[in-house]
N, C-alpha and C. Protein backbone atom coordinates (compact mmCIF):
# COMPACT_ATOMS: atom_id res chain seq x y z
N MET A 1 71.31 -126.02 -210.95
CA MET A 1 70.56 -124.88 -210.31
C MET A 1 69.15 -124.79 -210.96
N ARG A 2 68.13 -124.66 -210.13
CA ARG A 2 66.79 -124.59 -210.65
C ARG A 2 66.51 -123.22 -211.31
N THR A 3 65.77 -123.27 -212.37
CA THR A 3 65.34 -122.03 -213.05
C THR A 3 64.21 -121.38 -212.26
N HIS A 4 63.38 -122.17 -211.66
CA HIS A 4 62.25 -121.64 -210.91
C HIS A 4 62.22 -122.29 -209.52
N ASP A 5 61.69 -121.52 -208.58
CA ASP A 5 61.56 -122.05 -207.19
C ASP A 5 60.17 -122.60 -206.96
N ALA A 6 59.19 -122.30 -207.77
CA ALA A 6 57.83 -122.81 -207.59
C ALA A 6 57.16 -123.08 -208.90
N TRP A 7 56.43 -124.16 -208.97
CA TRP A 7 55.54 -124.46 -210.06
C TRP A 7 54.10 -124.33 -209.63
N LEU A 8 53.37 -123.49 -210.35
CA LEU A 8 51.92 -123.22 -210.07
C LEU A 8 51.14 -123.90 -211.18
N VAL A 9 50.37 -124.89 -210.80
CA VAL A 9 49.78 -125.79 -211.77
C VAL A 9 48.27 -125.66 -211.82
N ASP A 10 47.75 -125.51 -213.05
CA ASP A 10 46.31 -125.65 -213.25
C ASP A 10 45.91 -127.13 -213.14
N LEU A 11 44.64 -127.40 -212.75
CA LEU A 11 44.16 -128.77 -212.56
C LEU A 11 43.51 -129.35 -213.79
N ASP A 12 42.33 -128.83 -214.05
CA ASP A 12 41.46 -129.40 -215.10
C ASP A 12 42.01 -129.24 -216.47
N GLY A 13 42.23 -130.40 -217.15
CA GLY A 13 42.85 -130.34 -218.47
C GLY A 13 44.38 -130.35 -218.47
N THR A 14 44.97 -130.14 -217.28
CA THR A 14 46.43 -130.08 -217.18
C THR A 14 46.92 -131.33 -216.52
N LEU A 15 46.42 -131.71 -215.37
CA LEU A 15 46.89 -132.89 -214.67
C LEU A 15 46.26 -134.23 -215.30
N TYR A 16 45.23 -134.04 -216.06
CA TYR A 16 44.66 -135.22 -216.75
C TYR A 16 44.29 -134.82 -218.20
N ALA A 17 44.18 -135.79 -219.06
CA ALA A 17 43.80 -135.55 -220.46
C ALA A 17 42.30 -135.30 -220.50
N PRO A 18 41.89 -134.13 -221.00
CA PRO A 18 40.47 -133.81 -220.92
C PRO A 18 39.53 -134.53 -221.88
N LYS A 19 40.00 -134.82 -223.09
CA LYS A 19 39.12 -135.39 -224.13
C LYS A 19 38.53 -136.72 -223.72
N PRO A 20 39.31 -137.70 -223.31
CA PRO A 20 38.69 -138.97 -222.90
C PRO A 20 37.80 -138.87 -221.70
N LEU A 21 38.12 -137.94 -220.79
CA LEU A 21 37.23 -137.73 -219.64
C LEU A 21 35.89 -137.14 -220.10
N LYS A 22 35.95 -136.15 -220.98
CA LYS A 22 34.71 -135.59 -221.48
C LYS A 22 33.82 -136.63 -222.17
N LEU A 23 34.43 -137.52 -222.97
CA LEU A 23 33.70 -138.55 -223.63
C LEU A 23 33.00 -139.48 -222.63
N ALA A 24 33.77 -139.85 -221.61
CA ALA A 24 33.24 -140.74 -220.56
C ALA A 24 32.07 -140.07 -219.86
N MET A 25 32.23 -138.80 -219.52
CA MET A 25 31.13 -138.10 -218.83
C MET A 25 29.92 -137.82 -219.71
N LEU A 26 30.16 -137.61 -220.99
CA LEU A 26 28.99 -137.40 -221.90
C LEU A 26 28.21 -138.70 -222.01
N ALA A 27 28.89 -139.84 -222.07
CA ALA A 27 28.17 -141.10 -222.09
C ALA A 27 27.37 -141.32 -220.79
N GLU A 28 28.00 -140.99 -219.70
CA GLU A 28 27.28 -141.10 -218.44
C GLU A 28 26.09 -140.20 -218.35
N LEU A 29 26.26 -138.98 -218.80
CA LEU A 29 25.16 -138.03 -218.78
C LEU A 29 24.00 -138.49 -219.65
N ALA A 30 24.37 -139.08 -220.88
CA ALA A 30 23.34 -139.56 -221.74
C ALA A 30 22.49 -140.65 -221.11
N LEU A 31 23.16 -141.48 -220.28
CA LEU A 31 22.45 -142.62 -219.67
C LEU A 31 21.70 -142.20 -218.40
N LEU A 32 22.36 -141.33 -217.60
CA LEU A 32 21.82 -141.09 -216.26
C LEU A 32 21.55 -139.62 -215.94
N GLY A 33 22.05 -138.70 -216.72
CA GLY A 33 22.03 -137.37 -216.27
C GLY A 33 21.34 -136.31 -217.18
N LEU A 34 20.48 -136.77 -218.10
CA LEU A 34 19.85 -135.81 -219.00
C LEU A 34 19.17 -134.66 -218.25
N PRO A 35 18.49 -134.86 -217.14
CA PRO A 35 17.85 -133.78 -216.42
C PRO A 35 18.90 -132.74 -215.92
N ALA A 36 20.12 -133.19 -215.73
CA ALA A 36 21.17 -132.24 -215.23
C ALA A 36 21.83 -131.46 -216.32
N LEU A 37 21.64 -131.89 -217.56
CA LEU A 37 22.38 -131.31 -218.71
C LEU A 37 22.09 -129.83 -218.85
N ARG A 38 20.84 -129.42 -218.71
CA ARG A 38 20.49 -128.00 -218.87
C ARG A 38 21.14 -127.16 -217.80
N ILE A 39 21.24 -127.66 -216.61
CA ILE A 39 21.91 -126.92 -215.52
C ILE A 39 23.40 -126.80 -215.79
N LEU A 40 24.02 -127.87 -216.18
CA LEU A 40 25.45 -127.88 -216.45
C LEU A 40 25.82 -126.94 -217.58
N ARG A 41 25.06 -126.96 -218.66
CA ARG A 41 25.28 -126.07 -219.80
C ARG A 41 25.21 -124.59 -219.42
N CYS A 42 24.14 -124.28 -218.64
CA CYS A 42 23.97 -122.87 -218.21
C CYS A 42 25.13 -122.48 -217.27
N PHE A 43 25.52 -123.37 -216.39
CA PHE A 43 26.61 -123.10 -215.44
C PHE A 43 27.89 -122.79 -216.19
N ARG A 44 28.23 -123.66 -217.17
CA ARG A 44 29.43 -123.41 -218.00
C ARG A 44 29.36 -122.10 -218.81
N GLN A 45 28.18 -121.76 -219.30
CA GLN A 45 28.02 -120.53 -220.00
C GLN A 45 28.31 -119.32 -219.10
N GLN A 46 27.81 -119.40 -217.86
CA GLN A 46 28.06 -118.34 -216.92
C GLN A 46 29.55 -118.27 -216.59
N HIS A 47 30.20 -119.40 -216.53
CA HIS A 47 31.68 -119.37 -216.24
C HIS A 47 32.41 -118.55 -217.34
N GLU A 48 32.06 -118.75 -218.59
CA GLU A 48 32.76 -118.05 -219.68
C GLU A 48 32.38 -116.54 -219.64
N ILE A 49 31.16 -116.25 -219.24
CA ILE A 49 30.74 -114.86 -219.15
C ILE A 49 31.53 -114.14 -218.07
N LEU A 50 31.62 -114.81 -216.90
CA LEU A 50 32.41 -114.22 -215.77
C LEU A 50 33.86 -114.10 -216.15
N ARG A 51 34.41 -115.04 -216.83
CA ARG A 51 35.78 -115.02 -217.24
C ARG A 51 36.08 -113.77 -218.09
N GLN A 52 35.13 -113.47 -219.02
CA GLN A 52 35.32 -112.32 -219.92
C GLN A 52 35.16 -111.02 -219.20
N THR A 53 34.33 -110.94 -218.17
CA THR A 53 34.16 -109.65 -217.51
C THR A 53 35.37 -109.27 -216.66
N ARG A 54 36.09 -110.31 -216.12
CA ARG A 54 37.29 -110.08 -215.28
C ARG A 54 36.98 -109.32 -214.01
N GLN A 55 35.71 -109.43 -213.55
CA GLN A 55 35.33 -108.79 -212.30
C GLN A 55 35.51 -109.70 -211.13
N GLY A 56 35.59 -109.14 -209.90
CA GLY A 56 35.70 -109.94 -208.73
C GLY A 56 34.27 -110.19 -208.11
N TYR A 57 34.13 -111.30 -207.50
CA TYR A 57 32.84 -111.72 -206.92
C TYR A 57 33.00 -112.27 -205.51
N ASP A 58 32.10 -111.90 -204.63
CA ASP A 58 32.09 -112.43 -203.23
C ASP A 58 30.91 -113.37 -203.10
N PRO A 59 31.11 -114.57 -202.44
CA PRO A 59 32.38 -115.01 -201.87
C PRO A 59 33.39 -115.55 -202.88
N SER A 60 32.84 -115.91 -204.12
CA SER A 60 33.74 -116.45 -205.13
C SER A 60 33.03 -116.49 -206.48
N PRO A 61 33.80 -116.58 -207.57
CA PRO A 61 33.09 -116.73 -208.93
C PRO A 61 32.28 -117.99 -208.96
N PHE A 62 32.75 -119.06 -208.32
CA PHE A 62 32.02 -120.35 -208.33
C PHE A 62 30.60 -120.12 -207.81
N TYR A 63 30.44 -119.45 -206.71
CA TYR A 63 29.13 -119.28 -206.11
C TYR A 63 28.30 -118.25 -206.95
N GLU A 64 29.05 -117.32 -207.58
CA GLU A 64 28.28 -116.40 -208.49
C GLU A 64 27.69 -117.15 -209.65
N GLN A 65 28.43 -118.11 -210.23
CA GLN A 65 27.90 -118.99 -211.27
C GLN A 65 26.67 -119.72 -210.81
N VAL A 66 26.75 -120.31 -209.62
CA VAL A 66 25.59 -120.99 -209.04
C VAL A 66 24.36 -120.03 -208.95
N ARG A 67 24.63 -118.85 -208.43
CA ARG A 67 23.53 -117.88 -208.24
C ARG A 67 22.93 -117.49 -209.54
N ARG A 68 23.76 -117.21 -210.57
CA ARG A 68 23.26 -116.78 -211.87
C ARG A 68 22.47 -117.93 -212.56
N THR A 69 23.04 -119.08 -212.50
CA THR A 69 22.37 -120.24 -213.12
C THR A 69 21.01 -120.50 -212.47
N ALA A 70 20.92 -120.42 -211.16
CA ALA A 70 19.66 -120.60 -210.50
C ALA A 70 18.63 -119.54 -210.90
N ASP A 71 19.14 -118.32 -211.02
CA ASP A 71 18.23 -117.19 -211.37
C ASP A 71 17.77 -117.37 -212.82
N ILE A 72 18.58 -117.77 -213.76
CA ILE A 72 18.18 -117.91 -215.14
C ILE A 72 17.22 -119.08 -215.31
N LEU A 73 17.44 -120.15 -214.64
CA LEU A 73 16.59 -121.37 -214.84
C LEU A 73 15.41 -121.37 -213.84
N LYS A 74 15.38 -120.43 -212.93
CA LYS A 74 14.32 -120.31 -211.95
C LYS A 74 14.21 -121.59 -211.10
N ILE A 75 15.33 -121.99 -210.57
CA ILE A 75 15.39 -123.15 -209.68
C ILE A 75 16.20 -122.77 -208.47
N PRO A 76 16.12 -123.53 -207.37
CA PRO A 76 16.87 -123.18 -206.17
C PRO A 76 18.37 -123.28 -206.38
N GLU A 77 19.14 -122.38 -205.72
CA GLU A 77 20.54 -122.41 -205.76
C GLU A 77 21.11 -123.77 -205.22
N GLU A 78 20.46 -124.34 -204.29
CA GLU A 78 20.90 -125.59 -203.68
C GLU A 78 20.86 -126.72 -204.73
N GLN A 79 19.89 -126.64 -205.63
CA GLN A 79 19.76 -127.64 -206.66
C GLN A 79 20.95 -127.53 -207.67
N VAL A 80 21.22 -126.28 -208.04
CA VAL A 80 22.34 -126.09 -208.98
C VAL A 80 23.66 -126.56 -208.33
N ASP A 81 23.88 -126.13 -207.05
CA ASP A 81 25.12 -126.51 -206.40
C ASP A 81 25.24 -128.04 -206.31
N ARG A 82 24.17 -128.70 -206.01
CA ARG A 82 24.22 -130.16 -205.87
C ARG A 82 24.51 -130.83 -207.21
N VAL A 83 23.87 -130.37 -208.31
CA VAL A 83 24.09 -130.97 -209.62
C VAL A 83 25.52 -130.74 -210.11
N VAL A 84 26.01 -129.49 -209.93
CA VAL A 84 27.34 -129.13 -210.37
C VAL A 84 28.38 -129.96 -209.62
N ARG A 85 28.24 -130.06 -208.30
CA ARG A 85 29.21 -130.84 -207.52
C ARG A 85 29.17 -132.35 -207.89
N GLU A 86 28.01 -132.83 -208.13
CA GLU A 86 27.86 -134.23 -208.52
C GLU A 86 28.54 -134.56 -209.84
N TRP A 87 28.15 -133.71 -210.92
CA TRP A 87 28.57 -134.06 -212.25
C TRP A 87 29.87 -133.45 -212.68
N MET A 88 30.36 -132.38 -212.03
CA MET A 88 31.58 -131.75 -212.43
C MET A 88 32.74 -132.06 -211.50
N ILE A 89 32.37 -132.46 -210.24
CA ILE A 89 33.51 -132.72 -209.29
C ILE A 89 33.47 -134.18 -208.80
N GLN A 90 32.39 -134.74 -208.38
CA GLN A 90 32.37 -136.09 -207.84
C GLN A 90 32.37 -137.20 -208.84
N ARG A 91 31.44 -137.19 -209.76
CA ARG A 91 31.35 -138.29 -210.72
C ARG A 91 32.61 -138.46 -211.60
N PRO A 92 33.27 -137.35 -212.05
CA PRO A 92 34.47 -137.52 -212.85
C PRO A 92 35.64 -138.21 -212.12
N CYS A 93 35.54 -138.23 -210.76
CA CYS A 93 36.69 -138.70 -209.96
C CYS A 93 37.04 -140.16 -210.29
N LYS A 94 36.04 -140.99 -210.60
CA LYS A 94 36.33 -142.36 -210.86
C LYS A 94 37.20 -142.59 -212.10
N TRP A 95 37.21 -141.61 -213.00
CA TRP A 95 37.95 -141.70 -214.25
C TRP A 95 39.33 -141.09 -214.19
N LEU A 96 39.57 -140.22 -213.21
CA LEU A 96 40.74 -139.36 -213.28
C LEU A 96 42.06 -140.11 -213.26
N LYS A 97 42.19 -141.16 -212.44
CA LYS A 97 43.46 -141.88 -212.42
C LYS A 97 43.78 -142.51 -213.77
N ARG A 98 42.73 -142.98 -214.43
CA ARG A 98 42.91 -143.60 -215.74
C ARG A 98 43.44 -142.59 -216.78
N PHE A 99 43.04 -141.33 -216.71
CA PHE A 99 43.43 -140.34 -217.66
C PHE A 99 44.47 -139.37 -217.20
N ARG A 100 45.06 -139.57 -216.02
CA ARG A 100 46.06 -138.61 -215.49
C ARG A 100 47.25 -138.55 -216.37
N ARG A 101 47.93 -137.40 -216.37
CA ARG A 101 49.18 -137.25 -217.17
C ARG A 101 50.30 -137.70 -216.26
N ARG A 102 50.72 -138.96 -216.41
CA ARG A 102 51.69 -139.55 -215.55
C ARG A 102 53.06 -138.90 -215.69
N GLY A 103 53.42 -138.53 -216.94
CA GLY A 103 54.71 -137.90 -217.16
C GLY A 103 54.86 -136.57 -216.39
N LEU A 104 53.76 -135.76 -216.45
CA LEU A 104 53.77 -134.51 -215.75
C LEU A 104 53.78 -134.67 -214.22
N LEU A 105 53.04 -135.63 -213.77
CA LEU A 105 53.05 -135.88 -212.33
C LEU A 105 54.47 -136.38 -211.90
N ASP A 106 55.08 -137.14 -212.72
CA ASP A 106 56.47 -137.58 -212.41
C ASP A 106 57.44 -136.37 -212.37
N GLU A 107 57.21 -135.44 -213.28
CA GLU A 107 58.06 -134.24 -213.27
C GLU A 107 57.86 -133.43 -212.02
N ILE A 108 56.60 -133.28 -211.57
CA ILE A 108 56.29 -132.52 -210.38
C ILE A 108 56.96 -133.19 -209.16
N THR A 109 56.88 -134.49 -209.11
CA THR A 109 57.49 -135.32 -208.05
C THR A 109 58.99 -135.02 -207.99
N ALA A 110 59.66 -135.05 -209.15
CA ALA A 110 61.11 -134.76 -209.23
C ALA A 110 61.44 -133.37 -208.81
N PHE A 111 60.63 -132.41 -209.24
CA PHE A 111 60.85 -130.98 -208.91
C PHE A 111 60.80 -130.80 -207.38
N ARG A 112 59.82 -131.45 -206.76
CA ARG A 112 59.70 -131.33 -205.32
C ARG A 112 60.90 -131.99 -204.62
N ALA A 113 61.33 -133.12 -205.20
CA ALA A 113 62.52 -133.80 -204.57
C ALA A 113 63.75 -132.93 -204.59
N GLU A 114 63.79 -131.99 -205.52
CA GLU A 114 64.93 -131.03 -205.62
C GLU A 114 64.73 -129.82 -204.80
N GLY A 115 63.62 -129.75 -204.04
CA GLY A 115 63.36 -128.62 -203.14
C GLY A 115 62.40 -127.59 -203.68
N GLY A 116 61.79 -127.86 -204.85
CA GLY A 116 60.87 -126.93 -205.40
C GLY A 116 59.55 -126.92 -204.65
N ARG A 117 58.85 -125.77 -204.71
CA ARG A 117 57.51 -125.66 -204.03
C ARG A 117 56.46 -125.74 -205.17
N THR A 118 55.26 -126.19 -204.76
CA THR A 118 54.17 -126.41 -205.76
C THR A 118 52.88 -125.96 -205.23
N ALA A 119 52.01 -125.54 -206.13
CA ALA A 119 50.65 -125.15 -205.79
C ALA A 119 49.71 -125.46 -206.92
N ILE A 120 48.49 -125.84 -206.62
CA ILE A 120 47.40 -125.93 -207.60
C ILE A 120 46.65 -124.56 -207.62
N VAL A 121 46.36 -124.06 -208.80
CA VAL A 121 45.54 -122.89 -208.95
C VAL A 121 44.41 -123.20 -209.93
N SER A 122 43.17 -123.24 -209.41
CA SER A 122 42.04 -123.72 -210.15
C SER A 122 40.85 -122.77 -210.06
N ASP A 123 40.07 -122.75 -211.16
CA ASP A 123 38.83 -121.98 -211.14
C ASP A 123 37.67 -122.75 -210.58
N TYR A 124 37.87 -123.96 -210.13
CA TYR A 124 36.88 -124.79 -209.49
C TYR A 124 37.43 -125.41 -208.25
N PRO A 125 36.57 -125.85 -207.26
CA PRO A 125 37.03 -126.59 -206.12
C PRO A 125 37.94 -127.74 -206.60
N ALA A 126 39.08 -127.97 -205.91
CA ALA A 126 40.10 -128.86 -206.41
C ALA A 126 40.45 -130.06 -205.54
N GLU A 127 40.21 -129.98 -204.23
CA GLU A 127 40.66 -130.99 -203.34
C GLU A 127 40.19 -132.40 -203.68
N THR A 128 38.92 -132.55 -203.99
CA THR A 128 38.37 -133.87 -204.24
C THR A 128 39.05 -134.50 -205.46
N LYS A 129 39.25 -133.69 -206.49
CA LYS A 129 39.83 -134.26 -207.72
C LYS A 129 41.36 -134.60 -207.46
N LEU A 130 42.06 -133.80 -206.68
CA LEU A 130 43.43 -134.12 -206.41
C LEU A 130 43.54 -135.46 -205.67
N VAL A 131 42.67 -135.71 -204.70
CA VAL A 131 42.66 -136.96 -204.00
C VAL A 131 42.42 -138.10 -205.01
N ALA A 132 41.40 -137.94 -205.88
CA ALA A 132 41.10 -138.96 -206.88
C ALA A 132 42.25 -139.23 -207.82
N LEU A 133 43.08 -138.22 -208.16
CA LEU A 133 44.19 -138.40 -208.99
C LEU A 133 45.36 -139.04 -208.26
N GLY A 134 45.29 -139.11 -206.92
CA GLY A 134 46.38 -139.58 -206.11
C GLY A 134 47.53 -138.58 -206.05
N ALA A 135 47.15 -137.31 -206.20
CA ALA A 135 48.19 -136.25 -206.36
C ALA A 135 48.12 -135.17 -205.23
N ALA A 136 47.31 -135.40 -204.22
CA ALA A 136 47.11 -134.34 -203.17
C ALA A 136 48.44 -134.03 -202.48
N ALA A 137 49.28 -135.05 -202.28
CA ALA A 137 50.52 -134.87 -201.53
C ALA A 137 51.59 -134.13 -202.34
N LEU A 138 51.31 -133.93 -203.65
CA LEU A 138 52.31 -133.33 -204.49
C LEU A 138 52.23 -131.76 -204.47
N PHE A 139 51.29 -131.20 -203.72
CA PHE A 139 51.12 -129.76 -203.73
C PHE A 139 51.11 -129.16 -202.31
N ASP A 140 51.90 -128.11 -202.14
CA ASP A 140 52.05 -127.47 -200.81
C ASP A 140 50.79 -126.58 -200.54
N ARG A 141 50.14 -126.06 -201.56
CA ARG A 141 48.99 -125.19 -201.47
C ARG A 141 47.99 -125.50 -202.54
N VAL A 142 46.71 -125.20 -202.22
CA VAL A 142 45.63 -125.28 -203.22
C VAL A 142 44.90 -123.98 -203.17
N VAL A 143 44.91 -123.25 -204.27
CA VAL A 143 44.17 -121.99 -204.40
C VAL A 143 43.10 -122.19 -205.43
N ALA A 144 41.82 -122.24 -204.97
CA ALA A 144 40.75 -122.63 -205.88
C ALA A 144 39.50 -121.76 -205.64
N SER A 145 38.80 -121.35 -206.66
CA SER A 145 37.51 -120.73 -206.57
C SER A 145 36.52 -121.69 -205.93
N GLY A 146 35.74 -121.16 -205.03
CA GLY A 146 34.78 -121.96 -204.34
C GLY A 146 35.28 -122.41 -202.95
N ASP A 147 36.58 -122.31 -202.71
CA ASP A 147 37.15 -122.65 -201.40
C ASP A 147 37.19 -121.32 -200.57
N ILE A 148 37.13 -121.52 -199.24
CA ILE A 148 37.23 -120.38 -198.35
C ILE A 148 38.62 -119.67 -198.54
N GLY A 149 38.54 -118.38 -198.72
CA GLY A 149 39.78 -117.65 -198.93
C GLY A 149 40.36 -117.75 -200.34
N GLY A 150 39.57 -118.33 -201.25
CA GLY A 150 40.03 -118.48 -202.63
C GLY A 150 39.97 -117.20 -203.41
N PRO A 151 40.42 -117.21 -204.68
CA PRO A 151 40.40 -115.99 -205.45
C PRO A 151 38.99 -115.49 -205.76
N ARG A 152 38.84 -114.18 -205.89
CA ARG A 152 37.57 -113.56 -206.21
C ARG A 152 37.40 -113.35 -207.71
N HIS A 153 38.48 -113.61 -208.45
CA HIS A 153 38.48 -113.45 -209.91
C HIS A 153 38.84 -114.79 -210.59
N LEU A 154 38.24 -115.02 -211.75
CA LEU A 154 38.64 -116.17 -212.57
C LEU A 154 39.90 -115.82 -213.38
N LYS A 155 40.64 -116.78 -213.81
CA LYS A 155 41.67 -116.58 -214.83
C LYS A 155 40.97 -116.08 -216.06
N PRO A 156 41.56 -115.21 -216.91
CA PRO A 156 43.00 -114.89 -216.94
C PRO A 156 43.48 -113.79 -216.04
N THR A 157 42.68 -113.31 -215.09
CA THR A 157 43.22 -112.37 -214.13
C THR A 157 44.25 -113.16 -213.27
N PRO A 158 45.34 -112.51 -212.86
CA PRO A 158 46.46 -113.24 -212.21
C PRO A 158 46.27 -113.49 -210.77
N GLU A 159 45.10 -113.09 -210.16
CA GLU A 159 44.97 -113.14 -208.73
C GLU A 159 45.31 -114.49 -208.11
N GLY A 160 44.78 -115.59 -208.71
CA GLY A 160 45.01 -116.91 -208.15
C GLY A 160 46.48 -117.28 -208.12
N TYR A 161 47.19 -116.95 -209.18
CA TYR A 161 48.59 -117.27 -209.28
C TYR A 161 49.46 -116.43 -208.30
N LEU A 162 49.02 -115.15 -208.16
CA LEU A 162 49.76 -114.28 -207.26
C LEU A 162 49.49 -114.74 -205.80
N MET A 163 48.26 -115.15 -205.50
CA MET A 163 47.96 -115.67 -204.18
C MET A 163 48.82 -116.92 -203.88
N ALA A 164 48.95 -117.78 -204.86
CA ALA A 164 49.75 -119.01 -204.66
C ALA A 164 51.21 -118.69 -204.46
N ALA A 165 51.77 -117.76 -205.21
CA ALA A 165 53.13 -117.32 -205.03
C ALA A 165 53.38 -116.77 -203.62
N SER A 166 52.42 -115.96 -203.19
CA SER A 166 52.57 -115.33 -201.85
C SER A 166 52.53 -116.37 -200.78
N ALA A 167 51.57 -117.38 -200.91
CA ALA A 167 51.41 -118.45 -199.95
C ALA A 167 52.69 -119.30 -199.88
N LEU A 168 53.35 -119.46 -200.99
CA LEU A 168 54.58 -120.27 -201.04
C LEU A 168 55.81 -119.44 -200.64
N GLU A 169 55.61 -118.13 -200.53
CA GLU A 169 56.73 -117.20 -200.25
C GLU A 169 57.78 -117.24 -201.31
N VAL A 170 57.34 -117.18 -202.61
CA VAL A 170 58.21 -117.21 -203.74
C VAL A 170 57.87 -115.97 -204.60
N GLU A 171 58.93 -115.29 -205.02
CA GLU A 171 58.68 -114.14 -205.90
C GLU A 171 58.04 -114.58 -207.25
N PRO A 172 57.13 -113.80 -207.79
CA PRO A 172 56.49 -114.19 -209.06
C PRO A 172 57.51 -114.50 -210.16
N SER A 173 58.57 -113.75 -210.28
CA SER A 173 59.56 -114.00 -211.31
C SER A 173 60.23 -115.33 -211.18
N ARG A 174 60.12 -115.97 -210.03
CA ARG A 174 60.70 -117.30 -209.80
C ARG A 174 59.69 -118.42 -209.89
N CYS A 175 58.48 -118.06 -210.43
CA CYS A 175 57.39 -119.09 -210.58
C CYS A 175 57.18 -119.49 -212.02
N LEU A 176 56.85 -120.72 -212.23
CA LEU A 176 56.47 -121.23 -213.53
C LEU A 176 55.04 -121.64 -213.47
N VAL A 177 54.20 -121.12 -214.33
CA VAL A 177 52.79 -121.53 -214.45
C VAL A 177 52.70 -122.65 -215.46
N ILE A 178 52.04 -123.75 -215.09
CA ILE A 178 51.81 -124.87 -215.99
C ILE A 178 50.33 -125.02 -216.26
N GLY A 179 49.88 -124.94 -217.51
CA GLY A 179 48.44 -124.98 -217.77
C GLY A 179 48.19 -125.48 -219.19
N ASP A 180 46.90 -125.72 -219.50
CA ASP A 180 46.53 -126.24 -220.78
C ASP A 180 45.91 -125.22 -221.72
N ARG A 181 45.80 -123.96 -221.25
CA ARG A 181 45.22 -122.92 -222.13
C ARG A 181 46.12 -121.64 -222.11
N ALA A 182 46.67 -121.37 -223.25
CA ALA A 182 47.50 -120.16 -223.35
C ALA A 182 46.69 -118.94 -223.19
N ASP A 183 45.39 -118.98 -223.60
CA ASP A 183 44.54 -117.78 -223.55
C ASP A 183 44.01 -117.51 -222.15
N VAL A 184 44.19 -118.49 -221.23
CA VAL A 184 43.75 -118.34 -219.88
C VAL A 184 44.91 -118.34 -218.89
N ASP A 185 45.55 -119.54 -218.77
CA ASP A 185 46.71 -119.66 -217.83
C ASP A 185 47.90 -118.88 -218.37
N GLY A 186 48.10 -118.85 -219.65
CA GLY A 186 49.23 -118.10 -220.24
C GLY A 186 49.11 -116.64 -220.00
N VAL A 187 47.91 -116.11 -220.28
CA VAL A 187 47.69 -114.67 -220.10
C VAL A 187 47.83 -114.31 -218.64
N ALA A 188 47.25 -115.11 -217.73
CA ALA A 188 47.36 -114.87 -216.31
C ALA A 188 48.79 -114.89 -215.85
N ALA A 189 49.58 -115.82 -216.37
CA ALA A 189 50.97 -115.90 -216.01
C ALA A 189 51.70 -114.66 -216.43
N ALA A 190 51.50 -114.20 -217.69
CA ALA A 190 52.17 -113.01 -218.17
C ALA A 190 51.80 -111.78 -217.32
N SER A 191 50.53 -111.70 -217.00
CA SER A 191 50.08 -110.56 -216.14
C SER A 191 50.73 -110.56 -214.76
N ALA A 192 51.06 -111.81 -214.29
CA ALA A 192 51.67 -111.91 -212.94
C ALA A 192 53.15 -111.80 -212.99
N GLY A 193 53.73 -111.73 -214.19
CA GLY A 193 55.20 -111.67 -214.30
C GLY A 193 55.84 -112.99 -214.17
N MET A 194 55.12 -114.03 -214.56
CA MET A 194 55.64 -115.40 -214.45
C MET A 194 55.80 -116.08 -215.81
N GLU A 195 56.68 -117.03 -215.87
CA GLU A 195 56.82 -117.82 -217.12
C GLU A 195 55.72 -118.84 -217.21
N PHE A 196 55.46 -119.30 -218.46
CA PHE A 196 54.34 -120.20 -218.69
C PHE A 196 54.79 -121.41 -219.55
N ARG A 197 54.30 -122.54 -219.19
CA ARG A 197 54.48 -123.80 -219.95
C ARG A 197 53.11 -124.36 -220.34
N LEU A 198 52.91 -124.52 -221.65
CA LEU A 198 51.62 -125.02 -222.15
C LEU A 198 51.69 -126.55 -222.22
N ILE A 199 50.64 -127.15 -221.66
CA ILE A 199 50.49 -128.62 -221.70
C ILE A 199 49.42 -128.92 -222.75
N LYS A 200 49.74 -129.77 -223.72
CA LYS A 200 48.79 -130.13 -224.78
C LYS A 200 48.37 -131.59 -224.66
């Protein structure tokens, strides 16, 4: 008998090992992307600021980060959006299969074979990375900031996980959250009344 009916899984740092990917991307940035570095740093700083405020943003926190970064650096929002999507979403894709957590993906496959439901819950657009990982078919739902109808709050607010549970038609108490940060995914899971498994 299954302990949980649904697994709600974080993407970045959970489905793949983050350290080797970061090293690969830093090397690529040093060779090709130094002009983008200032934008990416500011964008990430705004992410942490929004995370701490725990406020909701329309249409999403992702676009609020874009807007704030553009305002701070006095550049067009379209430029920020283009750089972020290139360096944080598209370019990492060529490395993802190499660094994916095969054991966890095998566990997810087995859980689904037993009738379990699954969802990705991410603070960033997720579909492109899931395809690159070869894992898109492993998830019934994707709940991601930056997607239409995605959460208006970043983790550790529980909105994304609660949205995923509702979409899967599974009670929160029957959901397991799987993530790489206890201070983010773990806190969100506890707030949603869900169990949490830390991936290191």
